[in-house]
């Protein structure tokens, strides 16, 4: 028996060299024995975790309910933000990139740490709820609190769905790892409370310290990791809000401050997946009911603010080419935010706009442009939602360019940033 155990250990160390420094003792018997069904004991799960460099020292608990997590010591953590965020891979707009070697070294330290704690907590979920283009996610944590926090934003999936996904995302949560882990990235004291590191090529996300409390930062990182995968599966990851009213499903593109004013009126403002299957929020909706799923949007609304030129009317209808043009520009009172994204995009904005144009043309989705500037104030909140709903229900006139400085600013910006702008894109 012991000879067989050591043969298994040597095989693992050969297959996963990262495990060699996890512990000086032999592997726990639960890892390779056949013990039947016991809480926290699963040969299949343990082998899968070993494939990610994590050896289960005692037990691995998977997909516990919130009450079960509470019994294991999970607490609702205070929401935090502002943790250092590093990323490697082809993500546009990120200010911070790290070399592959640095990420590999950090990942090794994290997996060694996770292999040294008695119990591991695992949760499986998904980004998006459309079966053909969602992205499965596995959380591997050294404690129950990160699972309690992060599982609430992921969609539920069937058992073993992660193992059947060709490119799942893995989140490593190391809450009790030494603060010195940040020294690998040169963070120093800046990383003492925690940090977020994503690797697009490996579809991996590392959350150290209290970084799991930064739900927004974690969602941003997951958007970076999942975007290319969703796109490869025929879906479009779009930085849009989702409005559901009666039988109407509306995609809303607007600046962050405008979206924030409608927070309690939107199903989601964290982004959506648009595909031939329908539309789905990237992350689990806080509003119950899923009647809007597997349904294409009835309309797309672009929110703009034109306070001086008088070029953009209160509400107007856009052609598909105009919709793609205004989507790419993301204009808001003198500022251009390509694809309405103030941070980073996992896909080139122009390629995203081309795919967006193809989708709305094929599915004949109506698009509208509204101007939220009215007199001395901006239309927001309930008033904005009312304007949106009245726009899609009334026969508003088409948007007719009048020339002038604003149209010139659009063209100057877009042509300088995207020299190969398709002819179909028009103001």
Protein backbone atom coordinates (compact mmCIF):
# COMPACT_ATOMS: atom_id res chain seq x y z
CA UNK A 1 0.00 0.00 0.00
CA UNK A 2 2.69 2.50 1.00
CA UNK A 3 4.71 1.67 -2.11
CA UNK A 4 1.62 2.36 -4.23
CA UNK A 5 1.04 5.66 -2.38
CA UNK A 6 4.56 6.87 -3.05
CA UNK A 7 4.31 5.84 -6.72
CA UNK A 8 1.20 8.00 -7.01
CA UNK A 9 3.01 10.88 -5.30
CA UNK A 10 5.97 10.61 -7.64
CA UNK A 11 3.63 10.51 -10.63
CA UNK A 12 1.93 13.68 -9.43
CA UNK A 13 5.19 15.46 -8.80
CA UNK A 14 6.34 14.55 -12.30
CA UNK A 15 3.04 15.72 -13.85
CA UNK A 16 2.68 18.79 -11.61
CA UNK A 17 6.13 20.01 -10.51
CA UNK A 18 4.52 22.90 -8.70
CA UNK A 19 3.33 20.44 -6.05
CA UNK A 20 6.84 19.46 -4.98
CA UNK A 21 7.11 22.25 -2.44
CA UNK A 22 3.54 22.07 -1.20
CA UNK A 23 4.38 19.88 1.78
CA UNK A 24 7.21 17.73 3.10
CA UNK A 25 4.82 15.01 4.25
CA UNK A 26 3.17 12.34 2.18
CA UNK A 27 -0.12 13.11 0.47
CA UNK A 28 -3.22 12.71 2.65
CA UNK A 29 -4.91 9.35 2.22
CA UNK A 30 -8.14 11.11 1.12
CA UNK A 31 -6.43 12.24 -2.05
CA UNK A 32 -5.87 8.89 -3.65
CA UNK A 33 -7.96 6.37 -1.70
CA UNK A 34 -11.46 5.19 -2.52
CA UNK A 35 -13.50 6.09 0.54
CA UNK A 36 -17.00 6.18 -0.85
CA UNK A 37 -19.30 9.18 -0.38
CA UNK A 38 -18.27 11.35 2.55
CA UNK A 39 -18.61 15.12 3.07
CA UNK A 40 -15.53 16.83 1.67
CA UNK A 41 -14.14 13.66 0.13
CA UNK A 42 -14.30 13.29 -3.65
CA UNK A 43 -11.61 11.53 -5.62
CA UNK A 44 -12.71 13.18 -8.86
CA UNK A 45 -12.67 16.69 -7.37
CA UNK A 46 -9.31 16.12 -5.67
CA UNK A 47 -7.74 14.97 -8.92
CA UNK A 48 -9.22 17.98 -10.73
CA UNK A 49 -7.78 20.32 -8.10
CA UNK A 50 -4.42 18.58 -8.40
CA UNK A 51 -4.55 19.42 -12.09
CA UNK A 52 -4.65 23.07 -11.01
CA UNK A 53 -1.70 22.58 -8.69
CA UNK A 54 -3.71 22.32 -5.45
CA UNK A 55 -3.34 19.24 -3.24
CA UNK A 56 -6.20 18.68 -0.78
CA UNK A 57 -4.67 18.09 2.63
CA UNK A 58 -7.90 17.03 4.34
CA UNK A 59 -11.23 17.88 2.69
CA UNK A 60 -12.55 19.88 -0.26
CA UNK A 61 -16.10 21.21 0.12
CA UNK A 62 -17.85 21.99 -3.15
CA UNK A 63 -20.93 24.11 -3.83
CA UNK A 64 -22.01 24.57 -0.23
CA UNK A 65 -25.17 26.61 0.35
CA UNK A 66 -24.90 30.00 2.11
CA UNK A 67 -26.15 28.45 5.35
CA UNK A 68 -23.63 25.61 5.08
CA UNK A 69 -20.85 28.12 4.42
CA UNK A 70 -22.00 30.03 7.51
CA UNK A 71 -21.69 26.87 9.56
CA UNK A 72 -18.11 26.57 8.31
CA UNK A 73 -17.35 30.09 9.53
CA UNK A 74 -18.14 32.27 6.50
CA UNK A 75 -19.03 35.87 7.24
CA UNK A 76 -20.45 38.63 5.08
CA UNK A 77 -17.46 40.85 4.40
CA UNK A 78 -17.44 44.63 4.17
CA UNK A 79 -17.30 45.86 0.60
CA UNK A 80 -13.86 47.23 -0.25
CA UNK A 81 -12.25 48.71 -3.35
CA UNK A 82 -9.03 50.15 -4.71
CA UNK A 83 -6.86 47.03 -4.54
CA UNK A 84 -3.87 46.87 -6.92
CA UNK A 85 -5.01 45.26 -10.18
CA UNK A 86 -2.48 43.65 -12.50
CA UNK A 87 -3.15 41.76 -15.70
CA UNK A 88 -1.20 40.00 -18.38
CA UNK A 89 -2.48 39.16 -21.83
CA UNK A 90 -4.15 41.03 -24.66
CA UNK A 91 -6.48 43.35 -22.77
CA UNK A 92 -6.82 46.87 -24.11
CA UNK A 93 -6.62 49.90 -21.86
CA UNK A 94 -4.99 48.35 -18.80
CA UNK A 95 -2.28 50.46 -17.25
CA UNK A 96 -0.52 47.57 -15.55
CA UNK A 97 0.96 44.46 -17.16
CA UNK A 98 3.17 41.78 -15.68
CA UNK A 99 5.50 39.29 -17.37
CA UNK A 100 4.56 35.63 -17.70
CA UNK A 101 7.38 34.56 -15.39
CA UNK A 102 6.11 36.80 -12.59
CA UNK A 103 2.59 35.43 -12.84
CA UNK A 104 3.90 31.85 -12.89
CA UNK A 105 5.94 32.48 -9.77
CA UNK A 106 2.98 34.05 -7.99
CA UNK A 107 0.66 31.23 -9.04
CA UNK A 108 3.11 28.68 -7.69
CA UNK A 109 3.26 30.46 -4.34
CA UNK A 110 -0.54 30.65 -4.19
CA UNK A 111 -1.09 26.98 -5.03
CA UNK A 112 1.55 25.94 -2.49
CA UNK A 113 -0.33 28.02 0.10
CA UNK A 114 -3.68 26.45 -0.83
CA UNK A 115 -2.07 23.02 -0.60
CA UNK A 116 -0.94 23.74 2.95
CA UNK A 117 -4.32 24.57 4.52
CA UNK A 118 -6.49 21.76 5.97
CA UNK A 119 -9.70 22.38 4.03
CA UNK A 120 -10.40 23.78 0.58
CA UNK A 121 -13.68 25.44 -0.46
CA UNK A 122 -14.74 25.11 -4.07
CA UNK A 123 -17.63 26.68 -5.94
CA UNK A 124 -18.61 26.19 -9.56
CA UNK A 125 -20.63 28.78 -11.47
CA UNK A 126 -20.75 30.62 -14.78
CA UNK A 127 -20.42 34.04 -16.34
CA UNK A 128 -23.60 34.43 -18.39
CA UNK A 129 -26.54 32.03 -18.52
CA UNK A 130 -26.70 31.29 -22.25
CA UNK A 131 -25.59 27.63 -22.57
CA UNK A 132 -23.73 27.97 -25.88
CA UNK A 133 -21.58 30.98 -24.98
CA UNK A 134 -21.34 31.17 -21.21
CA UNK A 135 -18.01 30.68 -19.40
CA UNK A 136 -17.73 28.21 -16.55
CA UNK A 137 -15.88 29.43 -13.45
CA UNK A 138 -14.34 27.47 -10.57
CA UNK A 139 -13.46 29.19 -7.28
CA UNK A 140 -10.75 27.51 -5.18
CA UNK A 141 -10.45 29.16 -1.78
CA UNK A 142 -8.62 28.67 1.51
CA UNK A 143 -11.72 29.82 3.41
CA UNK A 144 -15.52 29.92 3.11
CA UNK A 145 -15.99 33.72 3.13
CA UNK A 146 -14.72 34.36 -0.43
CA UNK A 147 -17.03 31.63 -1.73
CA UNK A 148 -19.99 33.21 0.09
CA UNK A 149 -19.16 36.58 -1.46
CA UNK A 150 -18.28 35.58 -5.01
CA UNK A 151 -20.76 32.76 -5.58
CA UNK A 152 -23.62 35.26 -5.37
CA UNK A 153 -22.52 36.94 -8.63
CA UNK A 154 -22.11 33.75 -10.66
CA UNK A 155 -24.88 31.88 -12.44
CA UNK A 156 -25.73 28.38 -11.25
CA UNK A 157 -24.59 25.47 -13.41
CA UNK A 158 -25.11 21.70 -13.41
CA UNK A 159 -22.75 19.46 -11.45
CA UNK A 160 -19.53 18.67 -13.31
CA UNK A 161 -20.24 21.37 -15.92
CA UNK A 162 -16.78 22.87 -15.31
CA UNK A 163 -15.09 19.63 -16.31
CA UNK A 164 -16.94 19.69 -19.63
CA UNK A 165 -16.01 23.27 -20.49
CA UNK A 166 -13.16 23.60 -22.97
CA UNK A 167 -11.82 26.77 -21.37
CA UNK A 168 -13.05 27.37 -17.81
CA UNK A 169 -11.85 30.28 -15.68
CA UNK A 170 -10.19 29.47 -12.37
CA UNK A 171 -10.24 31.85 -9.40
CA UNK A 172 -7.62 31.20 -6.71
CA UNK A 173 -8.51 32.89 -3.40
CA UNK A 174 -5.64 33.01 -0.91
CA UNK A 175 -6.94 35.08 1.99
CA UNK A 176 -4.37 33.93 4.56
CA UNK A 177 -1.31 33.96 2.35
CA UNK A 178 1.64 36.00 3.59
CA UNK A 179 1.49 39.70 2.58
CA UNK A 180 5.00 39.23 1.23
CA UNK A 181 3.46 37.43 -1.78
CA UNK A 182 2.94 40.87 -3.27
CA UNK A 183 6.69 41.36 -3.40
CA UNK A 184 6.77 39.09 -6.46
CA UNK A 185 4.99 41.91 -8.30
CA UNK A 186 7.02 44.64 -6.59
CA UNK A 187 3.97 45.91 -4.69
CA UNK A 188 5.67 46.30 -1.32
CA UNK A 189 3.37 47.75 1.36
CA UNK A 190 0.82 48.60 -1.31
CA UNK A 191 -0.16 44.95 -1.52
CA UNK A 192 -0.33 44.20 2.20
CA UNK A 193 -4.14 44.17 2.30
CA UNK A 194 -4.44 42.22 -0.92
CA UNK A 195 -4.29 42.47 -4.70
CA UNK A 196 -5.93 41.18 -7.89
CA UNK A 197 -3.96 39.53 -10.69
CA UNK A 198 -5.43 38.11 -13.91
CA UNK A 199 -3.81 36.13 -16.71
CA UNK A 200 -5.90 36.14 -19.89
CA UNK A 201 -3.85 33.40 -21.56
CA UNK A 202 -4.27 31.00 -18.63
CA UNK A 203 -7.88 32.04 -17.87
CA UNK A 204 -6.77 32.42 -14.26
CA UNK A 205 -7.52 34.99 -11.57
CA UNK A 206 -5.65 35.33 -8.29
CA UNK A 207 -7.23 37.15 -5.33
CA UNK A 208 -4.89 37.60 -2.38
CA UNK A 209 -5.70 38.90 1.09
CA UNK A 210 -8.97 40.82 1.25
CA UNK A 211 -9.18 41.43 -2.50
CA UNK A 212 -12.22 39.15 -2.72
CA UNK A 213 -14.13 41.94 -0.93
CA UNK A 214 -13.64 44.10 -4.03
CA UNK A 215 -16.57 42.68 -6.00
CA UNK A 216 -16.39 45.37 -8.69
CA UNK A 217 -12.66 44.81 -9.22
CA UNK A 218 -13.24 41.06 -9.38
CA UNK A 219 -16.05 41.51 -11.93
CA UNK A 220 -13.79 43.73 -14.06
CA UNK A 221 -11.11 41.05 -13.98
CA UNK A 222 -13.62 38.33 -14.90
CA UNK A 223 -14.83 40.46 -17.82
CA UNK A 224 -11.24 40.60 -19.08
CA UNK A 225 -10.84 36.85 -18.79
CA UNK A 226 -14.21 35.81 -20.19
CA UNK A 227 -14.56 38.29 -23.07
CA UNK A 228 -12.38 36.47 -25.62
CA UNK A 229 -13.95 33.12 -24.69
CA UNK A 230 -17.50 34.44 -25.07
CA UNK A 231 -16.59 35.99 -28.42
CA UNK A 232 -15.08 32.73 -29.68
CA UNK A 233 -18.37 31.00 -28.86
CA UNK A 234 -20.49 33.36 -30.92
CA UNK A 235 -21.54 35.74 -28.16
CA UNK A 236 -20.87 39.46 -27.79
CA UNK A 237 -19.72 40.72 -24.37
CA UNK A 238 -21.13 44.24 -24.25
CA UNK A 239 -20.71 46.94 -21.56
CA UNK A 240 -24.45 47.61 -21.47
CA UNK A 241 -27.13 47.85 -18.84
CA UNK A 242 -30.21 45.67 -19.08
CA UNK A 243 -33.68 47.15 -18.61
CA UNK A 244 -36.72 44.89 -18.42
CA UNK A 245 -40.15 46.52 -18.31
CA UNK A 246 -43.32 44.50 -18.87
CA UNK A 247 -42.59 42.59 -22.09
CA UNK A 248 -39.81 44.91 -23.26
CA UNK A 249 -36.12 44.03 -23.01
CA UNK A 250 -33.80 46.97 -23.67
CA UNK A 251 -30.02 47.25 -23.85
CA UNK A 252 -28.85 50.59 -22.47
CA UNK A 253 -25.46 52.06 -23.37
CA UNK A 254 -24.61 54.98 -21.12
CA UNK A 255 -21.72 56.47 -19.12
CA UNK A 256 -21.14 55.06 -15.65
CA UNK A 257 -22.60 58.06 -13.82
CA UNK A 258 -25.82 57.83 -15.85
CA UNK A 259 -26.06 54.09 -15.29
CA UNK A 260 -25.52 54.61 -11.57
CA UNK A 261 -28.56 56.88 -11.36
CA UNK A 262 -30.70 53.99 -12.69
CA UNK A 263 -29.15 51.33 -10.47
CA UNK A 264 -32.39 50.28 -8.76
CA UNK A 265 -34.30 50.24 -12.05
CA UNK A 266 -32.01 47.97 -14.07
CA UNK A 267 -31.78 44.19 -14.03
CA UNK A 268 -28.04 44.56 -14.56
CA UNK A 269 -25.49 47.29 -15.26
CA UNK A 270 -22.37 45.09 -15.23
CA UNK A 271 -22.51 44.08 -18.87
CA UNK A 272 -24.40 41.55 -20.96
CA UNK A 273 -23.88 38.76 -23.47
CA UNK A 274 -25.77 39.17 -26.74
CA UNK A 275 -26.06 36.12 -28.98
CA UNK A 276 -28.50 34.38 -31.27
CA UNK A 277 -29.84 32.61 -28.16
CA UNK A 278 -30.88 35.89 -26.57
CA UNK A 279 -29.43 38.27 -24.02
CA UNK A 280 -28.10 37.56 -20.53
CA UNK A 281 -26.37 39.61 -17.83
CA UNK A 282 -22.76 38.61 -17.42
CA UNK A 283 -23.35 38.20 -13.70
CA UNK A 284 -26.24 36.91 -11.64
CA UNK A 285 -29.09 39.38 -11.49
CA UNK A 286 -30.13 40.77 -8.15
CA UNK A 287 -33.72 40.88 -9.45
CA UNK A 288 -35.62 37.61 -9.29
CA UNK A 289 -37.23 36.12 -12.36
CA UNK A 290 -35.63 35.09 -15.63
CA UNK A 291 -38.42 35.75 -18.11
CA UNK A 292 -36.10 37.92 -20.20
CA UNK A 293 -33.54 35.16 -20.74
CA UNK A 294 -33.35 33.51 -24.15
CA UNK A 295 -35.05 36.58 -25.59
CA UNK A 296 -33.41 39.02 -27.98
CA UNK A 297 -33.61 42.69 -26.97
CA UNK A 298 -36.56 44.64 -28.35
CA UNK A 299 -34.43 47.76 -28.65
CA UNK A 300 -31.00 49.25 -28.07
CA UNK A 301 -30.65 52.74 -26.59
CA UNK A 302 -27.54 54.92 -26.81
CA UNK A 303 -27.43 57.67 -24.20
CA UNK A 304 -25.61 60.82 -25.24
CA UNK A 305 -25.33 64.33 -23.83
CA UNK A 306 -25.17 67.29 -26.19
CA UNK A 307 -25.53 70.50 -24.24
CA UNK A 308 -24.35 73.07 -26.77
CA UNK A 309 -24.41 72.13 -30.45
CA UNK A 310 -28.08 71.23 -30.75
CA UNK A 311 -27.11 68.45 -33.16
CA UNK A 312 -28.55 65.55 -31.17
CA UNK A 313 -32.33 65.68 -30.63
CA UNK A 314 -34.14 64.40 -27.55
CA UNK A 315 -34.89 61.06 -29.21
CA UNK A 316 -34.25 59.67 -32.69
CA UNK A 317 -34.07 56.36 -34.53
CA UNK A 318 -30.71 55.06 -35.83
CA UNK A 319 -29.92 52.92 -38.83
CA UNK A 320 -27.69 49.85 -38.12
CA UNK A 321 -24.65 51.68 -39.52
CA UNK A 322 -25.38 54.73 -37.36
CA UNK A 323 -25.86 52.49 -34.31
CA UNK A 324 -22.44 50.89 -34.82
CA UNK A 325 -20.88 54.36 -35.32
CA UNK A 326 -22.37 55.82 -32.13
CA UNK A 327 -21.58 52.64 -30.20
CA UNK A 328 -17.93 52.90 -31.22
CA UNK A 329 -17.74 56.61 -30.37
CA UNK A 330 -19.49 56.48 -26.98
CA UNK A 331 -19.93 60.27 -26.99
CA UNK A 332 -20.86 62.08 -23.78
CA UNK A 333 -20.72 65.89 -23.62
CA UNK A 334 -17.34 66.37 -25.30
CA UNK A 335 -15.79 63.06 -24.23
CA UNK A 336 -15.46 59.92 -26.31
CA UNK A 337 -15.45 56.51 -24.62
CA UNK A 338 -15.05 53.85 -27.33
CA UNK A 339 -17.73 51.18 -26.90
CA UNK A 340 -18.95 53.03 -23.80
CA UNK A 341 -16.18 51.49 -21.71
CA UNK A 342 -14.21 53.74 -19.40
CA UNK A 343 -11.84 50.97 -18.33
CA UNK A 344 -10.59 48.13 -20.47
CA UNK A 345 -12.03 45.94 -23.19
CA UNK A 346 -11.05 42.31 -23.76
CA UNK A 347 -11.76 42.77 -27.48
CA UNK A 348 -10.67 45.48 -29.91
CA UNK A 349 -13.50 48.11 -29.90
CA UNK A 350 -13.64 48.28 -33.70
CA UNK A 351 -13.93 44.50 -34.04
CA UNK A 352 -16.59 44.54 -31.34
CA UNK A 353 -18.48 47.29 -33.21
CA UNK A 354 -18.33 45.29 -36.46
CA UNK A 355 -19.71 42.20 -34.73
CA UNK A 356 -22.34 44.37 -33.05
CA UNK A 357 -23.43 45.74 -36.43
CA UNK A 358 -23.71 42.21 -37.81
CA UNK A 359 -25.88 41.09 -34.89
CA UNK A 360 -28.36 43.96 -34.98
CA UNK A 361 -28.70 43.72 -38.76
CA UNK A 362 -29.26 39.98 -38.75
CA UNK A 363 -31.80 40.07 -35.93
CA UNK A 364 -33.33 43.42 -37.03
CA UNK A 365 -33.02 45.01 -33.60
CA UNK A 366 -34.16 48.64 -33.48
CA UNK A 367 -31.67 51.22 -32.21
CA UNK A 368 -32.25 54.72 -30.83
CA UNK A 369 -30.18 57.71 -29.74
CA UNK A 370 -31.39 59.91 -26.89
CA UNK A 371 -30.01 63.17 -25.56
CA UNK A 372 -30.20 63.40 -21.77
CA UNK A 373 -29.27 67.09 -21.63
CA UNK A 374 -32.35 69.19 -20.96
CA UNK A 375 -31.92 72.88 -20.16
CA UNK A 376 -29.61 73.22 -17.20
CA UNK A 377 -29.81 69.63 -16.02
CA UNK A 378 -29.28 66.05 -17.09
CA UNK A 379 -32.15 63.59 -17.30
CA UNK A 380 -31.40 60.64 -15.01
CA UNK A 381 -32.99 57.95 -12.87
CA UNK A 382 -36.73 57.42 -13.31
CA UNK A 383 -36.99 60.29 -15.80
CA UNK A 384 -34.39 58.61 -18.00
CA UNK A 385 -36.18 55.27 -17.88
CA UNK A 386 -39.44 56.99 -18.82
CA UNK A 387 -37.70 58.65 -21.77
CA UNK A 388 -36.30 55.28 -22.85
CA UNK A 389 -39.68 53.54 -22.71
CA UNK A 390 -41.49 56.36 -24.49
CA UNK A 391 -38.82 56.36 -27.21
CA UNK A 392 -39.23 52.68 -28.05
CA UNK A 393 -43.04 52.83 -27.91
CA UNK A 394 -43.51 55.95 -30.06
CA UNK A 395 -42.80 56.57 -33.71
CA UNK A 396 -39.74 58.78 -33.27
CA UNK A 397 -38.11 60.31 -36.37
CA UNK A 398 -34.82 59.04 -37.79
CA UNK A 399 -31.60 60.77 -36.80
CA UNK A 400 -30.59 63.16 -39.58
CA UNK A 401 -27.05 64.59 -39.42
CA UNK A 402 -26.88 68.37 -39.72
CA UNK A 403 -23.14 68.66 -40.13
CA UNK A 404 -21.36 71.20 -37.93
CA UNK A 405 -18.64 70.97 -35.32
CA UNK A 406 -20.01 67.95 -33.44
CA UNK A 407 -20.12 65.73 -36.50
CA UNK A 408 -16.59 66.85 -37.35
CA UNK A 409 -15.39 65.97 -33.83
CA UNK A 410 -16.87 62.48 -34.14
CA UNK A 411 -15.14 61.82 -37.45
CA UNK A 412 -11.82 63.30 -36.35
CA UNK A 413 -11.74 61.18 -33.21
CA UNK A 414 -12.83 57.91 -34.80
CA UNK A 415 -10.72 58.24 -37.95
CA UNK A 416 -7.61 59.01 -35.90
CA UNK A 417 -8.19 56.08 -33.54
CA UNK A 418 -9.59 53.63 -36.09
CA UNK A 419 -8.16 54.50 -39.54
CA UNK A 420 -9.90 51.57 -41.26
CA UNK A 421 -13.43 52.56 -40.33
CA UNK A 422 -15.96 50.63 -42.45
CA UNK A 423 -17.92 52.71 -45.00
CA UNK A 424 -21.21 51.51 -43.47
CA UNK A 425 -20.38 53.28 -40.20
CA UNK A 426 -21.97 56.71 -40.41
CA UNK A 427 -22.88 59.64 -38.19
